[in-house]
Amino acid sequence: MLAISTGRTFAVGILALVISSAALASGSLRCGSRIIDEEDLAAELLAACGEPSFRDQFTIEIPNGARIADTEVWTYDFGPQKLLRLVTLRNGQISNIDSDGYGFTPNATPRCEPRRVVEGLSKYRLVAQCGEPLTKRSEQTLKPLYSRPEIYRNNGDPYAYHNQYVTPVYREEWVYNFGSRSPMRRITLEDGRVTHVENIDRGFDR
């Protein structure tokens, strides 16, 4: 019984260590001997890690004319042996550090497989895999935090943004053409991440 108990204790300890390490990894970025954390400045990030592989920038305004902080998502691609690191900055300061699967081999020929275009992909990974879309459009919008609109309405105001019942997002719609053998794909991205994928009309050969 003692051996089993000790084994379980050891396993729990290892699990806690793994969870703790994962949490640290997702909230920080190591470049050489330097560690970049949330709330560090963009200048500190550049000094430690250099220019990112991809920069995505957008600004959002809400109906009363107020301007949300300028937002950028910088993607660092350290190659196929390391995770892509996505660093979100607001007004020049890091607000979030995330990851998105392993990076890409430099100068490799991209191979786009429609089945791999799924929700959760970063914009960088989508472009690296499939290139630029056939068409694209964008809009600034407010996204409800609840599934039932009547919950977040305030005195008939469908936005109620001053009470934080909605959140502003930068939404893009990209359409990819995979040729006459496949349907085209309409892809919705919000703040640089794929949130919805749907098939539309059949594609065409060019």
N, C-alpha and C. Protein backbone atom coordinates (compact mmCIF):
# COMPACT_ATOMS: atom_id res chain seq x y z
N MET A 1 0.82 -1.20 0.00
CA MET A 1 0.00 0.00 0.00
C MET A 1 0.87 1.26 0.00
N LEU A 2 1.98 1.19 0.72
CA LEU A 2 2.85 2.35 0.81
C LEU A 2 3.45 2.67 -0.56
N ALA A 3 3.86 1.61 -1.28
CA ALA A 3 4.44 1.83 -2.60
C ALA A 3 3.44 2.48 -3.56
N ILE A 4 2.19 2.01 -3.50
CA ILE A 4 1.16 2.58 -4.38
C ILE A 4 0.92 4.04 -4.03
N SER A 5 0.83 4.32 -2.72
CA SER A 5 0.58 5.69 -2.27
C SER A 5 1.72 6.60 -2.69
N THR A 6 2.96 6.12 -2.51
CA THR A 6 4.11 6.93 -2.88
C THR A 6 4.13 7.19 -4.38
N GLY A 7 3.80 6.14 -5.16
CA GLY A 7 3.76 6.31 -6.61
C GLY A 7 2.75 7.35 -7.03
N ARG A 8 1.57 7.31 -6.39
CA ARG A 8 0.53 8.29 -6.73
C ARG A 8 0.98 9.69 -6.36
N THR A 9 1.63 9.81 -5.19
CA THR A 9 2.10 11.12 -4.76
C THR A 9 3.13 11.66 -5.75
N PHE A 10 4.04 10.77 -6.18
CA PHE A 10 5.07 11.16 -7.14
C PHE A 10 4.43 11.59 -8.46
N ALA A 11 3.41 10.82 -8.91
CA ALA A 11 2.74 11.13 -10.17
C ALA A 11 2.02 12.47 -10.09
N VAL A 12 1.37 12.71 -8.95
CA VAL A 12 0.68 13.98 -8.77
C VAL A 12 1.68 15.13 -8.79
N GLY A 13 2.84 14.90 -8.16
CA GLY A 13 3.86 15.94 -8.15
C GLY A 13 4.38 16.24 -9.55
N ILE A 14 4.62 15.18 -10.33
CA ILE A 14 5.08 15.38 -11.71
C ILE A 14 4.02 16.10 -12.53
N LEU A 15 2.75 15.71 -12.35
CA LEU A 15 1.65 16.35 -13.08
C LEU A 15 1.58 17.83 -12.75
N ALA A 16 1.71 18.15 -11.47
CA ALA A 16 1.67 19.55 -11.06
C ALA A 16 2.82 20.33 -11.68
N LEU A 17 4.01 19.68 -11.75
CA LEU A 17 5.17 20.34 -12.34
C LEU A 17 4.95 20.59 -13.82
N VAL A 18 4.38 19.60 -14.52
CA VAL A 18 4.10 19.76 -15.95
C VAL A 18 3.11 20.88 -16.18
N ILE A 19 2.03 20.90 -15.38
CA ILE A 19 1.02 21.96 -15.54
C ILE A 19 1.63 23.32 -15.28
N SER A 20 2.46 23.39 -14.22
CA SER A 20 3.10 24.66 -13.89
C SER A 20 4.03 25.12 -15.01
N SER A 21 4.80 24.18 -15.59
CA SER A 21 5.71 24.53 -16.68
C SER A 21 4.95 24.98 -17.91
N ALA A 22 3.82 24.31 -18.19
CA ALA A 22 3.00 24.69 -19.35
C ALA A 22 2.44 26.08 -19.17
N ALA A 23 2.00 26.40 -17.95
CA ALA A 23 1.46 27.72 -17.68
C ALA A 23 2.53 28.78 -17.87
N LEU A 24 3.78 28.47 -17.39
CA LEU A 24 4.87 29.41 -17.55
C LEU A 24 5.20 29.60 -19.02
N ALA A 25 5.21 28.49 -19.77
CA ALA A 25 5.56 28.56 -21.19
C ALA A 25 4.57 29.39 -21.98
N SER A 26 3.29 29.29 -21.64
CA SER A 26 2.27 30.02 -22.40
C SER A 26 2.27 31.50 -22.08
N GLY A 27 2.78 31.89 -20.91
CA GLY A 27 2.75 33.29 -20.51
C GLY A 27 4.08 34.00 -20.63
N SER A 28 5.10 33.32 -21.16
CA SER A 28 6.40 33.93 -21.31
C SER A 28 7.05 33.41 -22.59
N LEU A 29 8.12 34.08 -22.99
CA LEU A 29 8.82 33.74 -24.23
C LEU A 29 10.31 33.85 -23.99
N ARG A 30 11.04 32.76 -24.26
CA ARG A 30 12.49 32.77 -24.08
C ARG A 30 13.16 32.96 -25.44
N CYS A 31 14.06 33.91 -25.51
CA CYS A 31 14.88 34.14 -26.69
C CYS A 31 16.33 34.19 -26.23
N GLY A 32 17.08 33.12 -26.51
CA GLY A 32 18.44 33.05 -26.00
C GLY A 32 18.43 32.97 -24.48
N SER A 33 19.14 33.86 -23.85
CA SER A 33 19.21 33.88 -22.39
C SER A 33 18.18 34.81 -21.76
N ARG A 34 17.37 35.46 -22.60
CA ARG A 34 16.41 36.44 -22.08
C ARG A 34 14.99 35.89 -22.10
N ILE A 35 14.22 36.27 -21.10
CA ILE A 35 12.83 35.85 -21.00
C ILE A 35 11.93 37.09 -21.08
N ILE A 36 10.97 37.03 -21.98
CA ILE A 36 10.01 38.11 -22.16
C ILE A 36 8.69 37.68 -21.53
N ASP A 37 8.09 38.56 -20.75
CA ASP A 37 6.84 38.27 -20.05
C ASP A 37 5.75 39.25 -20.47
N GLU A 38 4.53 38.90 -20.13
CA GLU A 38 3.41 39.81 -20.34
C GLU A 38 3.66 41.10 -19.57
N GLU A 39 3.24 42.21 -20.15
CA GLU A 39 3.42 43.57 -19.65
C GLU A 39 4.77 44.17 -20.01
N ASP A 40 5.68 43.38 -20.63
CA ASP A 40 6.90 43.97 -21.15
C ASP A 40 6.57 44.82 -22.37
N LEU A 41 7.50 45.70 -22.75
CA LEU A 41 7.28 46.61 -23.86
C LEU A 41 7.69 45.97 -25.19
N ALA A 42 7.11 46.50 -26.28
CA ALA A 42 7.46 46.01 -27.61
C ALA A 42 8.94 46.18 -27.87
N ALA A 43 9.53 47.27 -27.39
CA ALA A 43 10.95 47.53 -27.59
C ALA A 43 11.79 46.45 -26.91
N GLU A 44 11.37 45.99 -25.73
CA GLU A 44 12.09 44.92 -25.03
C GLU A 44 11.98 43.61 -25.79
N LEU A 45 10.81 43.37 -26.37
CA LEU A 45 10.61 42.16 -27.17
C LEU A 45 11.53 42.17 -28.40
N LEU A 46 11.62 43.30 -29.08
CA LEU A 46 12.49 43.41 -30.25
C LEU A 46 13.95 43.23 -29.87
N ALA A 47 14.34 43.80 -28.74
CA ALA A 47 15.72 43.69 -28.30
C ALA A 47 16.10 42.25 -28.00
N ALA A 48 15.15 41.49 -27.45
CA ALA A 48 15.43 40.11 -27.06
C ALA A 48 15.27 39.13 -28.21
N CYS A 49 14.24 39.30 -29.02
CA CYS A 49 13.88 38.28 -30.01
C CYS A 49 14.01 38.72 -31.45
N GLY A 50 14.25 40.01 -31.68
CA GLY A 50 14.36 40.50 -33.04
C GLY A 50 13.00 40.66 -33.70
N GLU A 51 13.04 40.90 -35.02
CA GLU A 51 11.80 41.08 -35.77
C GLU A 51 11.01 39.78 -35.84
N PRO A 52 9.68 39.85 -35.71
CA PRO A 52 8.86 38.64 -35.82
C PRO A 52 8.78 38.16 -37.25
N SER A 53 8.33 36.94 -37.43
CA SER A 53 8.13 36.39 -38.77
C SER A 53 6.91 37.00 -39.45
N PHE A 54 5.97 37.49 -38.64
CA PHE A 54 4.70 37.98 -39.20
C PHE A 54 4.11 38.99 -38.22
N ARG A 55 3.65 40.11 -38.76
CA ARG A 55 2.96 41.13 -37.95
C ARG A 55 1.55 41.30 -38.46
N ASP A 56 0.60 41.28 -37.56
CA ASP A 56 -0.81 41.52 -37.91
C ASP A 56 -1.29 42.67 -37.04
N GLN A 57 -1.81 43.72 -37.67
CA GLN A 57 -2.21 44.91 -36.93
C GLN A 57 -3.65 45.28 -37.24
N PHE A 58 -4.40 45.67 -36.21
CA PHE A 58 -5.78 46.11 -36.41
C PHE A 58 -6.19 47.04 -35.28
N THR A 59 -7.17 47.89 -35.58
CA THR A 59 -7.71 48.83 -34.61
C THR A 59 -9.22 48.70 -34.61
N ILE A 60 -9.84 48.81 -33.45
CA ILE A 60 -11.29 48.65 -33.34
C ILE A 60 -11.90 49.89 -32.71
N GLU A 61 -13.02 50.36 -33.27
CA GLU A 61 -13.79 51.45 -32.69
C GLU A 61 -15.16 50.92 -32.33
N ILE A 62 -15.74 51.42 -31.25
CA ILE A 62 -17.07 51.00 -30.82
C ILE A 62 -18.08 52.10 -31.15
N PRO A 63 -19.40 51.81 -31.12
CA PRO A 63 -20.40 52.73 -31.67
C PRO A 63 -20.37 54.16 -31.15
N ASN A 64 -19.90 54.40 -29.93
CA ASN A 64 -19.89 55.77 -29.42
C ASN A 64 -18.68 56.56 -29.89
N GLY A 65 -17.87 55.95 -30.77
CA GLY A 65 -16.71 56.64 -31.33
C GLY A 65 -15.44 56.43 -30.55
N ALA A 66 -15.51 55.78 -29.41
CA ALA A 66 -14.31 55.53 -28.63
C ALA A 66 -13.39 54.57 -29.38
N ARG A 67 -12.12 54.71 -29.17
CA ARG A 67 -11.13 53.92 -29.88
C ARG A 67 -10.50 52.91 -28.93
N ILE A 68 -10.56 51.65 -29.29
CA ILE A 68 -9.89 50.61 -28.52
C ILE A 68 -8.40 50.68 -28.83
N ALA A 69 -7.58 50.26 -27.90
CA ALA A 69 -6.14 50.31 -28.09
C ALA A 69 -5.72 49.64 -29.39
N ASP A 70 -4.76 50.27 -30.09
CA ASP A 70 -4.18 49.63 -31.27
C ASP A 70 -3.64 48.27 -30.87
N THR A 71 -3.93 47.26 -31.66
CA THR A 71 -3.54 45.89 -31.34
C THR A 71 -2.68 45.30 -32.45
N GLU A 72 -1.63 44.62 -32.06
CA GLU A 72 -0.79 43.89 -32.99
C GLU A 72 -0.58 42.48 -32.47
N VAL A 73 -0.50 41.53 -33.38
CA VAL A 73 -0.12 40.16 -33.02
C VAL A 73 1.15 39.84 -33.78
N TRP A 74 2.22 39.61 -33.05
CA TRP A 74 3.50 39.27 -33.66
C TRP A 74 3.70 37.77 -33.53
N THR A 75 4.03 37.11 -34.64
CA THR A 75 4.27 35.67 -34.62
C THR A 75 5.75 35.39 -34.82
N TYR A 76 6.30 34.60 -33.91
CA TYR A 76 7.70 34.18 -34.01
C TYR A 76 7.74 32.71 -34.41
N ASP A 77 8.38 32.44 -35.52
CA ASP A 77 8.52 31.09 -36.03
C ASP A 77 9.97 30.66 -35.87
N PHE A 78 10.22 29.79 -34.90
CA PHE A 78 11.58 29.34 -34.60
C PHE A 78 11.91 28.00 -35.26
N GLY A 79 11.09 27.58 -36.23
CA GLY A 79 11.37 26.35 -36.94
C GLY A 79 10.52 25.18 -36.49
N PRO A 80 10.66 24.03 -37.17
CA PRO A 80 9.77 22.89 -36.94
C PRO A 80 9.97 22.18 -35.61
N GLN A 81 11.03 22.48 -34.88
CA GLN A 81 11.27 21.81 -33.61
C GLN A 81 10.72 22.60 -32.42
N LYS A 82 10.21 23.80 -32.68
CA LYS A 82 9.71 24.64 -31.60
C LYS A 82 8.32 25.17 -31.94
N LEU A 83 7.57 25.52 -30.91
CA LEU A 83 6.22 26.04 -31.11
C LEU A 83 6.25 27.45 -31.68
N LEU A 84 5.27 27.74 -32.53
CA LEU A 84 5.04 29.13 -32.92
C LEU A 84 4.65 29.92 -31.68
N ARG A 85 5.16 31.12 -31.53
CA ARG A 85 4.78 31.96 -30.39
C ARG A 85 4.07 33.19 -30.91
N LEU A 86 2.87 33.43 -30.40
CA LEU A 86 2.04 34.56 -30.80
C LEU A 86 2.02 35.56 -29.65
N VAL A 87 2.50 36.75 -29.92
CA VAL A 87 2.59 37.80 -28.90
C VAL A 87 1.62 38.91 -29.26
N THR A 88 0.63 39.14 -28.40
CA THR A 88 -0.34 40.22 -28.62
C THR A 88 0.11 41.46 -27.87
N LEU A 89 0.13 42.59 -28.58
CA LEU A 89 0.53 43.87 -27.99
C LEU A 89 -0.61 44.86 -28.12
N ARG A 90 -0.82 45.62 -27.09
CA ARG A 90 -1.79 46.71 -27.12
C ARG A 90 -1.08 47.99 -26.73
N ASN A 91 -1.10 48.96 -27.67
CA ASN A 91 -0.40 50.22 -27.47
C ASN A 91 1.04 50.02 -27.05
N GLY A 92 1.72 49.08 -27.72
CA GLY A 92 3.14 48.91 -27.51
C GLY A 92 3.54 48.11 -26.29
N GLN A 93 2.57 47.46 -25.64
CA GLN A 93 2.88 46.66 -24.46
C GLN A 93 2.27 45.27 -24.61
N ILE A 94 3.01 44.24 -24.18
CA ILE A 94 2.55 42.86 -24.34
C ILE A 94 1.37 42.59 -23.40
N SER A 95 0.26 42.11 -23.98
CA SER A 95 -0.91 41.77 -23.18
C SER A 95 -1.12 40.26 -23.09
N ASN A 96 -0.54 39.50 -24.04
CA ASN A 96 -0.73 38.05 -24.02
C ASN A 96 0.35 37.36 -24.84
N ILE A 97 0.79 36.20 -24.38
CA ILE A 97 1.74 35.37 -25.11
C ILE A 97 1.13 33.98 -25.23
N ASP A 98 1.01 33.50 -26.47
CA ASP A 98 0.33 32.23 -26.72
C ASP A 98 1.17 31.41 -27.70
N SER A 99 0.71 30.21 -28.01
CA SER A 99 1.40 29.35 -28.97
C SER A 99 0.39 28.75 -29.95
N ASP A 100 0.91 28.21 -31.06
CA ASP A 100 0.02 27.64 -32.09
C ASP A 100 0.75 26.55 -32.85
N GLY A 101 0.97 25.41 -32.23
CA GLY A 101 1.61 24.29 -32.93
C GLY A 101 3.06 24.58 -33.28
N TYR A 102 3.69 23.63 -33.95
CA TYR A 102 5.09 23.77 -34.31
C TYR A 102 5.27 24.64 -35.55
N GLY A 103 6.46 25.23 -35.65
CA GLY A 103 6.77 26.13 -36.74
C GLY A 103 7.04 25.40 -38.04
N PHE A 104 7.58 26.13 -39.01
CA PHE A 104 7.77 25.62 -40.36
C PHE A 104 9.24 25.58 -40.73
N THR A 105 9.58 24.67 -41.64
CA THR A 105 10.95 24.59 -42.16
C THR A 105 11.18 25.77 -43.09
N PRO A 106 12.26 26.53 -42.90
CA PRO A 106 12.51 27.69 -43.78
C PRO A 106 12.59 27.29 -45.25
N ASN A 107 11.97 28.12 -46.10
CA ASN A 107 11.98 27.95 -47.55
C ASN A 107 11.29 26.67 -48.04
N ALA A 108 10.54 26.03 -47.17
CA ALA A 108 9.80 24.83 -47.59
C ALA A 108 8.61 25.23 -48.45
N THR A 109 8.25 24.40 -49.41
CA THR A 109 7.10 24.67 -50.27
C THR A 109 5.82 24.43 -49.48
N PRO A 110 4.95 25.44 -49.35
CA PRO A 110 3.72 25.24 -48.57
C PRO A 110 2.81 24.20 -49.20
N ARG A 111 2.16 23.42 -48.37
CA ARG A 111 1.24 22.39 -48.84
C ARG A 111 -0.10 22.58 -48.15
N CYS A 112 -1.08 23.03 -48.90
CA CYS A 112 -2.37 23.34 -48.30
C CYS A 112 -3.32 22.15 -48.44
N GLU A 113 -3.78 21.65 -47.33
CA GLU A 113 -4.78 20.59 -47.31
C GLU A 113 -6.06 21.17 -46.70
N PRO A 114 -7.15 21.24 -47.47
CA PRO A 114 -8.38 21.84 -46.96
C PRO A 114 -8.83 21.29 -45.61
N ARG A 115 -8.62 19.99 -45.37
CA ARG A 115 -9.08 19.39 -44.12
C ARG A 115 -8.31 19.92 -42.92
N ARG A 116 -7.15 20.54 -43.17
CA ARG A 116 -6.34 21.07 -42.07
C ARG A 116 -6.68 22.52 -41.75
N VAL A 117 -7.58 23.10 -42.53
CA VAL A 117 -8.04 24.46 -42.25
C VAL A 117 -9.18 24.35 -41.25
N VAL A 118 -8.87 24.53 -39.99
CA VAL A 118 -9.85 24.29 -38.92
C VAL A 118 -9.88 25.47 -37.96
N GLU A 119 -10.90 25.49 -37.12
CA GLU A 119 -11.02 26.54 -36.12
C GLU A 119 -9.82 26.51 -35.18
N GLY A 120 -9.38 27.69 -34.78
CA GLY A 120 -8.27 27.81 -33.84
C GLY A 120 -6.95 28.15 -34.49
N LEU A 121 -6.82 27.97 -35.82
CA LEU A 121 -5.57 28.29 -36.50
C LEU A 121 -5.27 29.78 -36.39
N SER A 122 -4.01 30.11 -36.24
CA SER A 122 -3.62 31.51 -36.31
C SER A 122 -3.56 31.95 -37.77
N LYS A 123 -3.63 33.25 -37.99
CA LYS A 123 -3.56 33.77 -39.35
C LYS A 123 -2.22 33.41 -40.00
N TYR A 124 -1.15 33.47 -39.23
CA TYR A 124 0.16 33.13 -39.77
C TYR A 124 0.19 31.69 -40.26
N ARG A 125 -0.32 30.76 -39.46
CA ARG A 125 -0.30 29.35 -39.88
C ARG A 125 -1.17 29.15 -41.12
N LEU A 126 -2.31 29.82 -41.18
CA LEU A 126 -3.18 29.70 -42.34
C LEU A 126 -2.47 30.17 -43.61
N VAL A 127 -1.81 31.33 -43.53
CA VAL A 127 -1.12 31.87 -44.70
C VAL A 127 0.10 31.01 -45.05
N ALA A 128 0.81 30.52 -44.03
CA ALA A 128 1.99 29.69 -44.28
C ALA A 128 1.60 28.38 -44.97
N GLN A 129 0.44 27.84 -44.62
CA GLN A 129 -0.02 26.58 -45.22
C GLN A 129 -0.66 26.78 -46.58
N CYS A 130 -1.48 27.82 -46.72
CA CYS A 130 -2.33 27.95 -47.91
C CYS A 130 -2.10 29.21 -48.72
N GLY A 131 -1.23 30.08 -48.28
CA GLY A 131 -1.00 31.32 -49.03
C GLY A 131 -2.14 32.32 -48.84
N GLU A 132 -2.14 33.34 -49.67
CA GLU A 132 -3.17 34.37 -49.60
C GLU A 132 -4.49 33.84 -50.17
N PRO A 133 -5.63 34.28 -49.65
CA PRO A 133 -6.93 33.80 -50.14
C PRO A 133 -7.30 34.42 -51.48
N LEU A 134 -8.35 33.88 -52.08
CA LEU A 134 -8.88 34.42 -53.33
C LEU A 134 -9.44 35.81 -53.10
N THR A 135 -10.24 35.97 -52.05
CA THR A 135 -10.79 37.28 -51.68
C THR A 135 -10.74 37.42 -50.17
N LYS A 136 -10.82 38.67 -49.71
CA LYS A 136 -10.87 38.92 -48.27
C LYS A 136 -11.61 40.23 -48.01
N ARG A 137 -12.27 40.29 -46.88
CA ARG A 137 -12.90 41.53 -46.42
C ARG A 137 -12.82 41.56 -44.91
N SER A 138 -13.02 42.75 -44.33
CA SER A 138 -12.90 42.88 -42.88
C SER A 138 -13.92 43.87 -42.35
N GLU A 139 -14.19 43.78 -41.07
CA GLU A 139 -15.12 44.70 -40.42
C GLU A 139 -14.80 44.75 -38.93
N GLN A 140 -15.17 45.85 -38.32
CA GLN A 140 -15.11 45.97 -36.87
C GLN A 140 -16.48 45.66 -36.32
N THR A 141 -16.55 44.85 -35.31
CA THR A 141 -17.86 44.46 -34.80
C THR A 141 -17.80 44.23 -33.29
N LEU A 142 -18.97 44.11 -32.70
CA LEU A 142 -19.09 43.79 -31.28
C LEU A 142 -19.67 42.39 -31.15
N LYS A 143 -19.01 41.56 -30.39
CA LYS A 143 -19.42 40.17 -30.25
C LYS A 143 -20.07 39.96 -28.88
N PRO A 144 -21.30 39.43 -28.85
CA PRO A 144 -21.96 39.20 -27.56
C PRO A 144 -21.21 38.19 -26.71
N LEU A 145 -21.19 38.44 -25.42
CA LEU A 145 -20.55 37.50 -24.50
C LEU A 145 -21.49 36.37 -24.12
N TYR A 146 -22.79 36.51 -24.45
CA TYR A 146 -23.77 35.49 -24.10
C TYR A 146 -24.49 35.02 -25.35
N SER A 147 -25.03 33.81 -25.31
CA SER A 147 -25.70 33.25 -26.48
C SER A 147 -27.10 33.80 -26.67
N ARG A 148 -27.73 34.32 -25.60
CA ARG A 148 -29.09 34.86 -25.70
C ARG A 148 -29.01 36.39 -25.68
N PRO A 149 -29.32 37.07 -26.80
CA PRO A 149 -29.16 38.51 -26.87
C PRO A 149 -29.87 39.27 -25.77
N GLU A 150 -31.05 38.78 -25.33
CA GLU A 150 -31.80 39.53 -24.34
C GLU A 150 -31.06 39.64 -23.01
N ILE A 151 -30.10 38.77 -22.80
CA ILE A 151 -29.37 38.81 -21.53
C ILE A 151 -28.48 40.04 -21.46
N TYR A 152 -27.86 40.43 -22.60
CA TYR A 152 -26.91 41.52 -22.54
C TYR A 152 -27.48 42.86 -22.98
N ARG A 153 -28.76 42.91 -23.36
CA ARG A 153 -29.35 44.21 -23.73
C ARG A 153 -29.59 45.04 -22.48
N ASN A 154 -29.39 46.32 -22.62
CA ASN A 154 -29.54 47.23 -21.50
C ASN A 154 -30.47 48.36 -21.92
N ASN A 155 -31.73 48.34 -21.43
CA ASN A 155 -32.71 49.36 -21.78
C ASN A 155 -32.88 49.48 -23.29
N GLY A 156 -32.89 48.33 -23.96
CA GLY A 156 -33.09 48.33 -25.40
C GLY A 156 -31.84 48.55 -26.22
N ASP A 157 -30.72 48.81 -25.55
CA ASP A 157 -29.46 49.02 -26.26
C ASP A 157 -28.83 47.66 -26.57
N PRO A 158 -28.74 47.27 -27.85
CA PRO A 158 -28.21 45.94 -28.18
C PRO A 158 -26.71 45.82 -27.98
N TYR A 159 -26.03 46.96 -27.76
CA TYR A 159 -24.58 46.90 -27.59
C TYR A 159 -24.19 46.82 -26.11
N ALA A 160 -24.71 47.75 -25.32
CA ALA A 160 -24.43 47.79 -23.88
C ALA A 160 -22.94 47.66 -23.61
N TYR A 161 -22.15 48.28 -24.49
CA TYR A 161 -20.70 48.11 -24.38
C TYR A 161 -20.15 48.73 -23.10
N HIS A 162 -20.83 49.77 -22.56
CA HIS A 162 -20.33 50.39 -21.34
C HIS A 162 -20.50 49.49 -20.13
N ASN A 163 -21.33 48.45 -20.25
CA ASN A 163 -21.49 47.48 -19.17
C ASN A 163 -20.75 46.17 -19.46
N GLN A 164 -19.94 46.17 -20.54
CA GLN A 164 -19.07 45.04 -20.86
C GLN A 164 -19.84 43.75 -21.16
N TYR A 165 -21.04 43.88 -21.75
CA TYR A 165 -21.77 42.68 -22.13
C TYR A 165 -21.40 42.20 -23.52
N VAL A 166 -20.67 43.01 -24.26
CA VAL A 166 -20.16 42.61 -25.55
C VAL A 166 -18.66 42.90 -25.58
N THR A 167 -17.98 42.27 -26.50
CA THR A 167 -16.55 42.52 -26.64
C THR A 167 -16.23 42.90 -28.08
N PRO A 168 -15.41 43.92 -28.30
CA PRO A 168 -15.08 44.33 -29.67
C PRO A 168 -14.11 43.35 -30.30
N VAL A 169 -14.34 43.01 -31.57
CA VAL A 169 -13.45 42.11 -32.30
C VAL A 169 -13.21 42.66 -33.70
N TYR A 170 -12.07 42.30 -34.26
CA TYR A 170 -11.76 42.61 -35.65
C TYR A 170 -12.01 41.34 -36.44
N ARG A 171 -13.04 41.35 -37.26
CA ARG A 171 -13.49 40.14 -37.95
C ARG A 171 -13.12 40.22 -39.43
N GLU A 172 -12.59 39.13 -39.96
CA GLU A 172 -12.23 39.04 -41.38
C GLU A 172 -12.91 37.82 -41.99
N GLU A 173 -13.22 37.93 -43.27
CA GLU A 173 -13.78 36.81 -44.02
C GLU A 173 -12.89 36.56 -45.23
N TRP A 174 -12.28 35.39 -45.24
CA TRP A 174 -11.40 34.99 -46.35
C TRP A 174 -12.04 33.85 -47.11
N VAL A 175 -11.89 33.86 -48.45
CA VAL A 175 -12.39 32.77 -49.28
C VAL A 175 -11.22 32.15 -50.03
N TYR A 176 -11.10 30.82 -49.90
CA TYR A 176 -10.05 30.08 -50.60
C TYR A 176 -10.66 29.23 -51.72
N ASN A 177 -9.98 29.22 -52.86
CA ASN A 177 -10.39 28.40 -54.00
C ASN A 177 -9.41 27.24 -54.13
N PHE A 178 -9.89 26.01 -53.98
CA PHE A 178 -9.04 24.83 -54.05
C PHE A 178 -9.20 24.07 -55.37
N GLY A 179 -9.78 24.73 -56.36
CA GLY A 179 -9.92 24.10 -57.67
C GLY A 179 -11.29 23.49 -57.89
N SER A 180 -11.53 23.03 -59.11
CA SER A 180 -12.86 22.56 -59.50
C SER A 180 -13.26 21.25 -58.84
N ARG A 181 -12.34 20.54 -58.22
CA ARG A 181 -12.66 19.27 -57.58
C ARG A 181 -13.14 19.44 -56.13
N SER A 182 -13.06 20.66 -55.63
CA SER A 182 -13.41 20.89 -54.22
C SER A 182 -14.26 22.14 -54.09
N PRO A 183 -15.08 22.22 -53.04
CA PRO A 183 -15.81 23.46 -52.79
C PRO A 183 -14.86 24.54 -52.28
N MET A 184 -15.19 25.77 -52.54
CA MET A 184 -14.44 26.87 -51.95
C MET A 184 -14.73 26.90 -50.45
N ARG A 185 -13.80 27.45 -49.70
CA ARG A 185 -13.97 27.55 -48.24
C ARG A 185 -14.05 29.01 -47.83
N ARG A 186 -15.11 29.34 -47.06
CA ARG A 186 -15.22 30.67 -46.48
C ARG A 186 -14.77 30.58 -45.03
N ILE A 187 -13.76 31.36 -44.70
CA ILE A 187 -13.12 31.26 -43.39
C ILE A 187 -13.30 32.58 -42.64
N THR A 188 -13.80 32.49 -41.43
CA THR A 188 -13.95 33.66 -40.58
C THR A 188 -12.82 33.70 -39.56
N LEU A 189 -12.16 34.86 -39.46
CA LEU A 189 -11.12 35.06 -38.46
C LEU A 189 -11.54 36.18 -37.53
N GLU A 190 -11.28 36.02 -36.26
CA GLU A 190 -11.54 37.08 -35.28
C GLU A 190 -10.26 37.33 -34.49
N ASP A 191 -9.79 38.59 -34.57
CA ASP A 191 -8.55 38.99 -33.90
C ASP A 191 -7.41 38.04 -34.23
N GLY A 192 -7.33 37.63 -35.51
CA GLY A 192 -6.19 36.85 -35.97
C GLY A 192 -6.28 35.35 -35.79
N ARG A 193 -7.46 34.84 -35.39
CA ARG A 193 -7.65 33.40 -35.22
C ARG A 193 -8.86 32.94 -36.02
N VAL A 194 -8.76 31.74 -36.61
CA VAL A 194 -9.89 31.16 -37.34
C VAL A 194 -10.97 30.76 -36.35
N THR A 195 -12.20 31.25 -36.57
CA THR A 195 -13.31 30.92 -35.68
C THR A 195 -14.41 30.13 -36.36
N HIS A 196 -14.41 30.10 -37.71
CA HIS A 196 -15.46 29.36 -38.41
C HIS A 196 -14.99 29.03 -39.82
N VAL A 197 -15.33 27.82 -40.28
CA VAL A 197 -14.98 27.37 -41.63
C VAL A 197 -16.22 26.74 -42.26
N GLU A 198 -16.57 27.15 -43.48
CA GLU A 198 -17.72 26.55 -44.15
C GLU A 198 -17.46 26.40 -45.65
N ASN A 199 -18.07 25.38 -46.24
CA ASN A 199 -18.00 25.17 -47.67
C ASN A 199 -19.04 26.03 -48.38
N ILE A 200 -18.65 26.61 -49.53
CA ILE A 200 -19.61 27.38 -50.33
C ILE A 200 -19.63 26.77 -51.73
N ASP A 201 -19.78 27.57 -52.76
CA ASP A 201 -19.86 27.04 -54.13
C ASP A 201 -18.60 26.29 -54.53
N ARG A 202 -18.75 25.44 -55.53
CA ARG A 202 -17.60 24.67 -56.03
C ARG A 202 -16.55 25.61 -56.60
N GLY A 203 -15.29 25.26 -56.39
CA GLY A 203 -14.21 26.08 -56.88
C GLY A 203 -14.02 25.99 -58.38
N PHE A 204 -12.97 26.61 -58.87
CA PHE A 204 -12.70 26.63 -60.30
C PHE A 204 -11.21 26.55 -60.52
N ASP A 205 -10.83 26.07 -61.71
CA ASP A 205 -9.42 25.97 -62.09
C ASP A 205 -8.99 27.28 -62.76
N ARG A 206 -7.76 27.67 -62.45
CA ARG A 206 -7.26 28.92 -63.03
C ARG A 206 -6.02 28.66 -63.88
